[in-house]
Amino acid sequence: MSKKFSAEYVNEELSFKAAKKYITEYFYPLRDGRHAYKTAHGYIILDYYTLKEEYFASLTDVRLTNYYFNDYDQLFTVAHKSHRIKLYNPSNEAVEHPAHSNKKYKKYIELKDEYYKLEEKTKLLKIQLDQAEREANGTQEDEEEYADEDDEEEYEDEEYEEEEEEVITPVSTKKKTKTTTKANKIPLVDAKKDFARSFYL
C-alpha cells in the first residue's frame, strides 16, 4: 500500500470493494464532524469541505463518496499526546500508526518531546525574565525620582540660606545725645565772681 492516498490508484487499479477498504485505511470520520487523515508520519485533521474537495472530488466512482460520507458508520476520536495525534476506534482502542512502531521513529518522538519540554521551559523563563526586568526598571525609576526630589530640596535650602545672608540689619538713625555733668552746667558769671573775690582775701 502506498504511504500517501492516491485517487489515481483507486480509479485505475482497485475494484469497488477494494477501494472501500483502501479509503477507510486512510480516512477516519470523527465524532465532532471532522476527519482524520493518515499520512506517512502520523495523522492530521481535516474539515469536511477540505476532505471532499481535495481528495474525494478526484474519485470517478461517486459510490465511494456516498459510501464514506453516508454509509460508513464508524466514528473515531482523537487525543493530542506528546505533541502528536493519537487515534482511537469506537471501542476506545488506540489505532496505532504503522510508522509509530518503528524504533527510529520512536527515537525521533522522544527527541521531539524533549525539545518541546525545553521550549516550554524556555518560554516560562522568558516570561519570568521579562517580569523581573520590568520590576527592576520600576525600582530604578523610583530611586531616580527620589534622588531628584532630594536634589530639589537641597537646592531650595541653598536658596533659602542665600536669602538669609542677604538680609542687612538696618542702621539706627537715632541721634546720639551729648551727656553733660552737673559741673558743666555752672554759669560763667558765677565763675568770674569767685575769681574776683580771691584778690580781697
C-alpha atoms as a PDB file:
ATOM      1  CA  MET A   1       0.000   0.000   0.000  1.00  0.00           C
ATOM      2  CA  SER A   2       1.230   3.490  -0.880  1.00  0.00           C
ATOM      3  CA  LYS A   3       2.185   5.758   2.047  1.00  0.00           C
ATOM      4  CA  LYS A   4       0.101   8.550   0.504  1.00  0.00           C
ATOM      5  CA  PHE A   5      -3.510   8.399  -0.591  1.00  0.00           C
ATOM      6  CA  SER A   6      -3.799   8.247  -4.378  1.00  0.00           C
ATOM      7  CA  ALA A   7      -7.097   8.875  -6.148  1.00  0.00           C
ATOM      8  CA  GLU A   8      -5.444   7.768  -9.389  1.00  0.00           C
ATOM      9  CA  TYR A   9      -4.602   4.405  -7.824  1.00  0.00           C
ATOM     10  CA  VAL A  10      -8.235   3.985  -6.711  1.00  0.00           C
ATOM     11  CA  ASN A  11      -9.638   4.932 -10.114  1.00  0.00           C
ATOM     12  CA  GLU A  12      -7.340   2.722 -12.167  1.00  0.00           C
ATOM     13  CA  GLU A  13      -6.351  -0.234 -10.031  1.00  0.00           C
ATOM     14  CA  LEU A  14      -8.989  -1.081  -7.423  1.00  0.00           C
ATOM     15  CA  SER A  15     -12.391  -2.644  -7.508  1.00  0.00           C
ATOM     16  CA  PHE A  16     -15.266  -1.017  -5.673  1.00  0.00           C
ATOM     17  CA  LYS A  17     -14.863  -3.396  -2.717  1.00  0.00           C
ATOM     18  CA  ALA A  18     -11.074  -2.953  -2.530  1.00  0.00           C
ATOM     19  CA  ALA A  19     -11.451   0.797  -2.925  1.00  0.00           C
ATOM     20  CA  LYS A  20     -13.785   0.995   0.080  1.00  0.00           C
ATOM     21  CA  LYS A  21     -11.211  -0.761   2.239  1.00  0.00           C
ATOM     22  CA  TYR A  22      -8.413   1.389   0.864  1.00  0.00           C
ATOM     23  CA  ILE A  23     -10.286   4.620   1.648  1.00  0.00           C
ATOM     24  CA  THR A  24     -11.066   3.584   5.218  1.00  0.00           C
ATOM     25  CA  GLU A  25      -7.408   2.828   5.808  1.00  0.00           C
ATOM     26  CA  TYR A  26      -6.569   6.497   5.160  1.00  0.00           C
ATOM     27  CA  PHE A  27      -9.616   8.423   6.332  1.00  0.00           C
ATOM     28  CA  TYR A  28     -11.405   8.247   9.690  1.00  0.00           C
ATOM     29  CA  PRO A  29     -14.615  10.157  10.412  1.00  0.00           C
ATOM     30  CA  LEU A  30     -14.550  11.740  13.874  1.00  0.00           C
ATOM     31  CA  ARG A  31     -17.323  12.281  16.395  1.00  0.00           C
ATOM     32  CA  ASP A  32     -17.005  16.060  16.141  1.00  0.00           C
ATOM     33  CA  GLY A  33     -17.678  16.119  12.379  1.00  0.00           C
ATOM     34  CA  ARG A  34     -14.066  16.425  11.268  1.00  0.00           C
ATOM     35  CA  HIS A  35     -11.902  13.719   9.726  1.00  0.00           C
ATOM     36  CA  ALA A  36      -8.506  12.242  10.486  1.00  0.00           C
ATOM     37  CA  TYR A  37      -6.208  11.609   7.539  1.00  0.00           C
ATOM     38  CA  LYS A  38      -3.308   9.173   7.873  1.00  0.00           C
ATOM     39  CA  THR A  39      -0.063  10.491   6.391  1.00  0.00           C
ATOM     40  CA  ALA A  40       3.343   8.835   6.208  1.00  0.00           C
ATOM     41  CA  HIS A  41       4.311  10.047   9.702  1.00  0.00           C
ATOM     42  CA  GLY A  42       1.044  10.421  11.593  1.00  0.00           C
ATOM     43  CA  TYR A  43      -2.489  11.785  11.486  1.00  0.00           C
ATOM     44  CA  ILE A  44      -3.721  15.225  10.508  1.00  0.00           C
ATOM     45  CA  ILE A  45      -7.206  16.662  10.992  1.00  0.00           C
ATOM     46  CA  LEU A  46      -9.303  17.868   8.050  1.00  0.00           C
ATOM     47  CA  ASP A  47     -12.696  19.511   7.907  1.00  0.00           C
ATOM     48  CA  TYR A  48     -15.498  18.153   5.743  1.00  0.00           C
ATOM     49  CA  TYR A  49     -15.071  20.584   2.835  1.00  0.00           C
ATOM     50  CA  THR A  50     -11.300  20.200   2.603  1.00  0.00           C
ATOM     51  CA  LEU A  51     -11.549  16.422   2.599  1.00  0.00           C
ATOM     52  CA  LYS A  52     -14.275  16.355  -0.051  1.00  0.00           C
ATOM     53  CA  GLU A  53     -12.737  18.939  -2.386  1.00  0.00           C
ATOM     54  CA  GLU A  54      -9.088  17.874  -2.191  1.00  0.00           C
ATOM     55  CA  TYR A  55      -9.439  14.074  -2.048  1.00  0.00           C
ATOM     56  CA  PHE A  56     -12.877  12.735  -2.944  1.00  0.00           C
ATOM     57  CA  ALA A  57     -13.592  15.117  -5.816  1.00  0.00           C
ATOM     58  CA  SER A  58     -10.963  13.269  -7.854  1.00  0.00           C
ATOM     59  CA  LEU A  59     -12.669   9.879  -7.471  1.00  0.00           C
ATOM     60  CA  THR A  60     -14.541   8.824 -10.595  1.00  0.00           C
ATOM     61  CA  ASP A  61     -16.855   6.400  -8.806  1.00  0.00           C
ATOM     62  CA  VAL A  62     -19.345   8.512  -6.847  1.00  0.00           C
ATOM     63  CA  ARG A  63     -20.416   5.393  -4.940  1.00  0.00           C
ATOM     64  CA  LEU A  64     -17.185   5.630  -2.954  1.00  0.00           C
ATOM     65  CA  THR A  65     -18.031   9.179  -1.865  1.00  0.00           C
ATOM     66  CA  ASN A  66     -21.546   8.143  -0.841  1.00  0.00           C
ATOM     67  CA  TYR A  67     -20.202   5.118   0.989  1.00  0.00           C
ATOM     68  CA  TYR A  68     -17.700   7.039   3.103  1.00  0.00           C
ATOM     69  CA  PHE A  69     -19.878  10.066   3.942  1.00  0.00           C
ATOM     70  CA  ASN A  70     -23.240   8.319   4.275  1.00  0.00           C
ATOM     71  CA  ASP A  71     -22.880   4.572   4.864  1.00  0.00           C
ATOM     72  CA  TYR A  72     -19.646   4.233   6.818  1.00  0.00           C
ATOM     73  CA  ASP A  73     -20.782   4.479  10.435  1.00  0.00           C
ATOM     74  CA  GLN A  74     -17.541   4.027  12.391  1.00  0.00           C
ATOM     75  CA  LEU A  75     -16.797   7.162  14.399  1.00  0.00           C
ATOM     76  CA  PHE A  76     -13.360   7.710  15.888  1.00  0.00           C
ATOM     77  CA  THR A  77     -11.897  10.062  18.444  1.00  0.00           C
ATOM     78  CA  VAL A  78      -8.506  11.729  18.693  1.00  0.00           C
ATOM     79  CA  ALA A  79      -6.296  12.876  21.522  1.00  0.00           C
ATOM     80  CA  HIS A  80      -3.190  15.043  21.478  1.00  0.00           C
ATOM     81  CA  LYS A  81      -0.365  13.276  23.271  1.00  0.00           C
ATOM     82  CA  SER A  82       3.344  14.091  23.155  1.00  0.00           C
ATOM     83  CA  HIS A  83       2.625  16.755  20.525  1.00  0.00           C
ATOM     84  CA  ARG A  84       1.117  14.244  18.137  1.00  0.00           C
ATOM     85  CA  ILE A  85      -2.363  12.984  17.389  1.00  0.00           C
ATOM     86  CA  LYS A  86      -3.427   9.578  18.655  1.00  0.00           C
ATOM     87  CA  LEU A  87      -6.442   7.937  17.098  1.00  0.00           C
ATOM     88  CA  TYR A  88      -8.989   5.754  18.954  1.00  0.00           C
ATOM     89  CA  ASN A  89     -11.624   3.483  17.420  1.00  0.00           C
ATOM     90  CA  PRO A  90     -15.281   3.309  18.594  1.00  0.00           C
ATOM     91  CA  SER A  91     -14.212   0.796  21.262  1.00  0.00           C
ATOM     92  CA  ASN A  92     -11.726   3.376  22.582  1.00  0.00           C
ATOM     93  CA  GLU A  93      -8.758   1.277  21.466  1.00  0.00           C
ATOM     94  CA  ALA A  94      -5.728   3.058  20.041  1.00  0.00           C
ATOM     95  CA  VAL A  95      -5.289   2.771  16.306  1.00  0.00           C
ATOM     96  CA  GLU A  96      -1.508   2.654  16.164  1.00  0.00           C
ATOM     97  CA  HIS A  97       0.065   4.306  13.180  1.00  0.00           C
ATOM     98  CA  PRO A  98       2.479   1.922  11.374  1.00  0.00           C
ATOM     99  CA  ALA A  99       5.295   4.475  11.497  1.00  0.00           C
ATOM    100  CA  HIS A 100       4.984   4.859  15.259  1.00  0.00           C
ATOM    101  CA  SER A 101       6.143   1.282  15.884  1.00  0.00           C
ATOM    102  CA  ASN A 102       9.433   1.923  14.111  1.00  0.00           C
ATOM    103  CA  LYS A 103      12.402   2.215  16.515  1.00  0.00           C
ATOM    104  CA  LYS A 104      13.906   5.145  14.665  1.00  0.00           C
ATOM    105  CA  TYR A 105      10.571   6.921  14.724  1.00  0.00           C
ATOM    106  CA  LYS A 106      10.224   6.301  18.451  1.00  0.00           C
ATOM    107  CA  LYS A 107      13.650   7.841  18.956  1.00  0.00           C
ATOM    108  CA  TYR A 108      12.530  10.805  16.901  1.00  0.00           C
ATOM    109  CA  ILE A 109       9.407  11.187  19.045  1.00  0.00           C
ATOM    110  CA  GLU A 110      11.459  11.053  22.245  1.00  0.00           C
ATOM    111  CA  LEU A 111      13.798  13.781  20.994  1.00  0.00           C
ATOM    112  CA  LYS A 112      10.841  15.826  19.795  1.00  0.00           C
ATOM    113  CA  ASP A 113       9.148  15.520  23.179  1.00  0.00           C
ATOM    114  CA  GLU A 114      12.346  16.632  24.904  1.00  0.00           C
ATOM    115  CA  TYR A 115      12.609  19.566  22.528  1.00  0.00           C
ATOM    116  CA  TYR A 116       9.059  20.724  23.283  1.00  0.00           C
ATOM    117  CA  LYS A 117       9.663  20.397  27.017  1.00  0.00           C
ATOM    118  CA  LEU A 118      12.750  22.596  26.752  1.00  0.00           C
ATOM    119  CA  GLU A 119      10.838  25.036  24.567  1.00  0.00           C
ATOM    120  CA  GLU A 120       8.061  25.353  27.146  1.00  0.00           C
ATOM    121  CA  LYS A 121      10.621  25.820  29.908  1.00  0.00           C
ATOM    122  CA  THR A 122      12.395  28.481  27.853  1.00  0.00           C
ATOM    123  CA  LYS A 123       9.117  30.350  27.343  1.00  0.00           C
ATOM    124  CA  LEU A 124       8.418  30.262  31.075  1.00  0.00           C
ATOM    125  CA  LEU A 125      11.926  31.526  31.884  1.00  0.00           C
ATOM    126  CA  LYS A 126      11.490  34.286  29.293  1.00  0.00           C
ATOM    127  CA  ILE A 127       8.256  35.412  30.976  1.00  0.00           C
ATOM    128  CA  GLN A 128       9.930  35.413  34.391  1.00  0.00           C
ATOM    129  CA  LEU A 129      12.925  37.309  32.992  1.00  0.00           C
ATOM    130  CA  ASP A 130      10.705  39.976  31.416  1.00  0.00           C
ATOM    131  CA  GLN A 131       8.769  40.380  34.659  1.00  0.00           C
ATOM    132  CA  ALA A 132      11.967  40.701  36.694  1.00  0.00           C
ATOM    133  CA  GLU A 133      13.294  43.284  34.234  1.00  0.00           C
ATOM    134  CA  ARG A 134      10.103  45.350  34.488  1.00  0.00           C
ATOM    135  CA  GLU A 135      10.249  45.241  38.282  1.00  0.00           C
ATOM    136  CA  ALA A 136      13.941  46.190  38.266  1.00  0.00           C
ATOM    137  CA  ASN A 137      13.338  49.112  35.931  1.00  0.00           C
ATOM    138  CA  GLY A 138      10.428  50.266  38.085  1.00  0.00           C
ATOM    139  CA  THR A 139      12.623  50.256  41.226  1.00  0.00           C
ATOM    140  CA  GLN A 140      15.360  52.152  39.428  1.00  0.00           C
ATOM    141  CA  GLU A 141      12.890  54.779  38.244  1.00  0.00           C
ATOM    142  CA  ASP A 142      11.609  55.201  41.804  1.00  0.00           C
ATOM    143  CA  GLU A 143      15.155  55.648  43.115  1.00  0.00           C
ATOM    144  CA  GLU A 144      15.894  58.240  40.437  1.00  0.00           C
ATOM    145  CA  GLU A 145      12.665  60.051  41.280  1.00  0.00           C
ATOM    146  CA  TYR A 146      13.558  60.144  44.973  1.00  0.00           C
ATOM    147  CA  ALA A 147      17.060  61.384  44.112  1.00  0.00           C
ATOM    148  CA  ASP A 148      15.581  64.178  42.012  1.00  0.00           C
ATOM    149  CA  GLU A 149      13.304  65.177  44.888  1.00  0.00           C
ATOM    150  CA  ASP A 150      16.299  65.264  47.284  1.00  0.00           C
ATOM    151  CA  ASP A 151      18.236  67.441  44.849  1.00  0.00           C
ATOM    152  CA  GLU A 152      15.316  69.840  44.584  1.00  0.00           C
ATOM    153  CA  GLU A 153      15.010  70.095  48.375  1.00  0.00           C
ATOM    154  CA  GLU A 154      18.764  70.684  48.733  1.00  0.00           C
ATOM    155  CA  TYR A 155      18.625  73.388  46.058  1.00  0.00           C
ATOM    156  CA  GLU A 156      15.713  75.082  47.856  1.00  0.00           C
ATOM    157  CA  ASP A 157      17.671  75.019  51.151  1.00  0.00           C
ATOM    158  CA  GLU A 158      20.656  76.667  49.478  1.00  0.00           C
ATOM    159  CA  GLU A 159      18.453  79.396  48.052  1.00  0.00           C
ATOM    160  CA  TYR A 160      16.926  79.992  51.494  1.00  0.00           C
ATOM    161  CA  GLU A 161      20.380  80.310  53.087  1.00  0.00           C
ATOM    162  CA  GLU A 162      21.447  82.783  50.430  1.00  0.00           C
ATOM    163  CA  GLU A 163      18.359  84.863  51.103  1.00  0.00           C
ATOM    164  CA  GLU A 164      19.164  84.881  54.828  1.00  0.00           C
ATOM    165  CA  GLU A 165      22.719  86.046  54.160  1.00  0.00           C
ATOM    166  CA  GLU A 166      21.477  88.930  52.036  1.00  0.00           C
ATOM    167  CA  VAL A 167      19.369  90.381  54.893  1.00  0.00           C
ATOM    168  CA  ILE A 168      21.055  93.625  56.044  1.00  0.00           C
ATOM    169  CA  THR A 169      20.408  94.876  59.555  1.00  0.00           C
ATOM    170  CA  PRO A 170      19.177  98.481  59.278  1.00  0.00           C
ATOM    171  CA  VAL A 171      21.456 101.142  60.772  1.00  0.00           C
ATOM    172  CA  SER A 172      19.899 103.055  63.638  1.00  0.00           C
ATOM    173  CA  THR A 173      19.195 106.681  62.732  1.00  0.00           C
ATOM    174  CA  LYS A 174      18.674 107.789  66.299  1.00  0.00           C
ATOM    175  CA  LYS A 175      20.807 110.877  67.133  1.00  0.00           C
ATOM    176  CA  LYS A 176      23.258 110.479  69.912  1.00  0.00           C
ATOM    177  CA  THR A 177      22.756 112.963  72.783  1.00  0.00           C
ATOM    178  CA  LYS A 178      25.740 114.501  74.458  1.00  0.00           C
ATOM    179  CA  THR A 179      25.716 113.952  78.170  1.00  0.00           C
ATOM    180  CA  THR A 180      26.850 116.726  80.406  1.00  0.00           C
ATOM    181  CA  THR A 181      27.878 116.715  84.046  1.00  0.00           C
ATOM    182  CA  LYS A 182      26.489 118.968  86.688  1.00  0.00           C
ATOM    183  CA  ALA A 183      29.754 120.920  86.822  1.00  0.00           C
ATOM    184  CA  ASN A 184      29.442 121.772  83.196  1.00  0.00           C
ATOM    185  CA  LYS A 185      26.145 123.483  83.912  1.00  0.00           C
ATOM    186  CA  ILE A 186      27.708 126.279  86.271  1.00  0.00           C
ATOM    187  CA  PRO A 187      27.008 129.729  84.779  1.00  0.00           C
ATOM    188  CA  LEU A 188      30.028 131.725  83.522  1.00  0.00           C
ATOM    189  CA  VAL A 189      29.094 134.805  85.630  1.00  0.00           C
ATOM    190  CA  ASP A 190      29.441 132.969  88.925  1.00  0.00           C
ATOM    191  CA  ALA A 191      32.903 131.791  87.919  1.00  0.00           C
ATOM    192  CA  LYS A 192      34.057 135.364  87.353  1.00  0.00           C
ATOM    193  CA  LYS A 193      32.777 136.475  90.756  1.00  0.00           C
ATOM    194  CA  ASP A 194      34.700 133.754  92.502  1.00  0.00           C
ATOM    195  CA  PHE A 195      37.848 134.814  90.671  1.00  0.00           C
ATOM    196  CA  ALA A 196      37.445 138.481  91.788  1.00  0.00           C
ATOM    197  CA  ARG A 197      36.931 137.559  95.450  1.00  0.00           C
ATOM    198  CA  SER A 198      40.207 135.827  95.555  1.00  0.00           C
ATOM    199  CA  PHE A 199      42.012 139.196  95.453  1.00  0.00           C
ATOM    200  CA  TYR A 200      40.389 140.506  98.671  1.00  0.00           C
ATOM    201  CA  LEU A 201      41.247 137.566 100.796  1.00  0.00           C
END
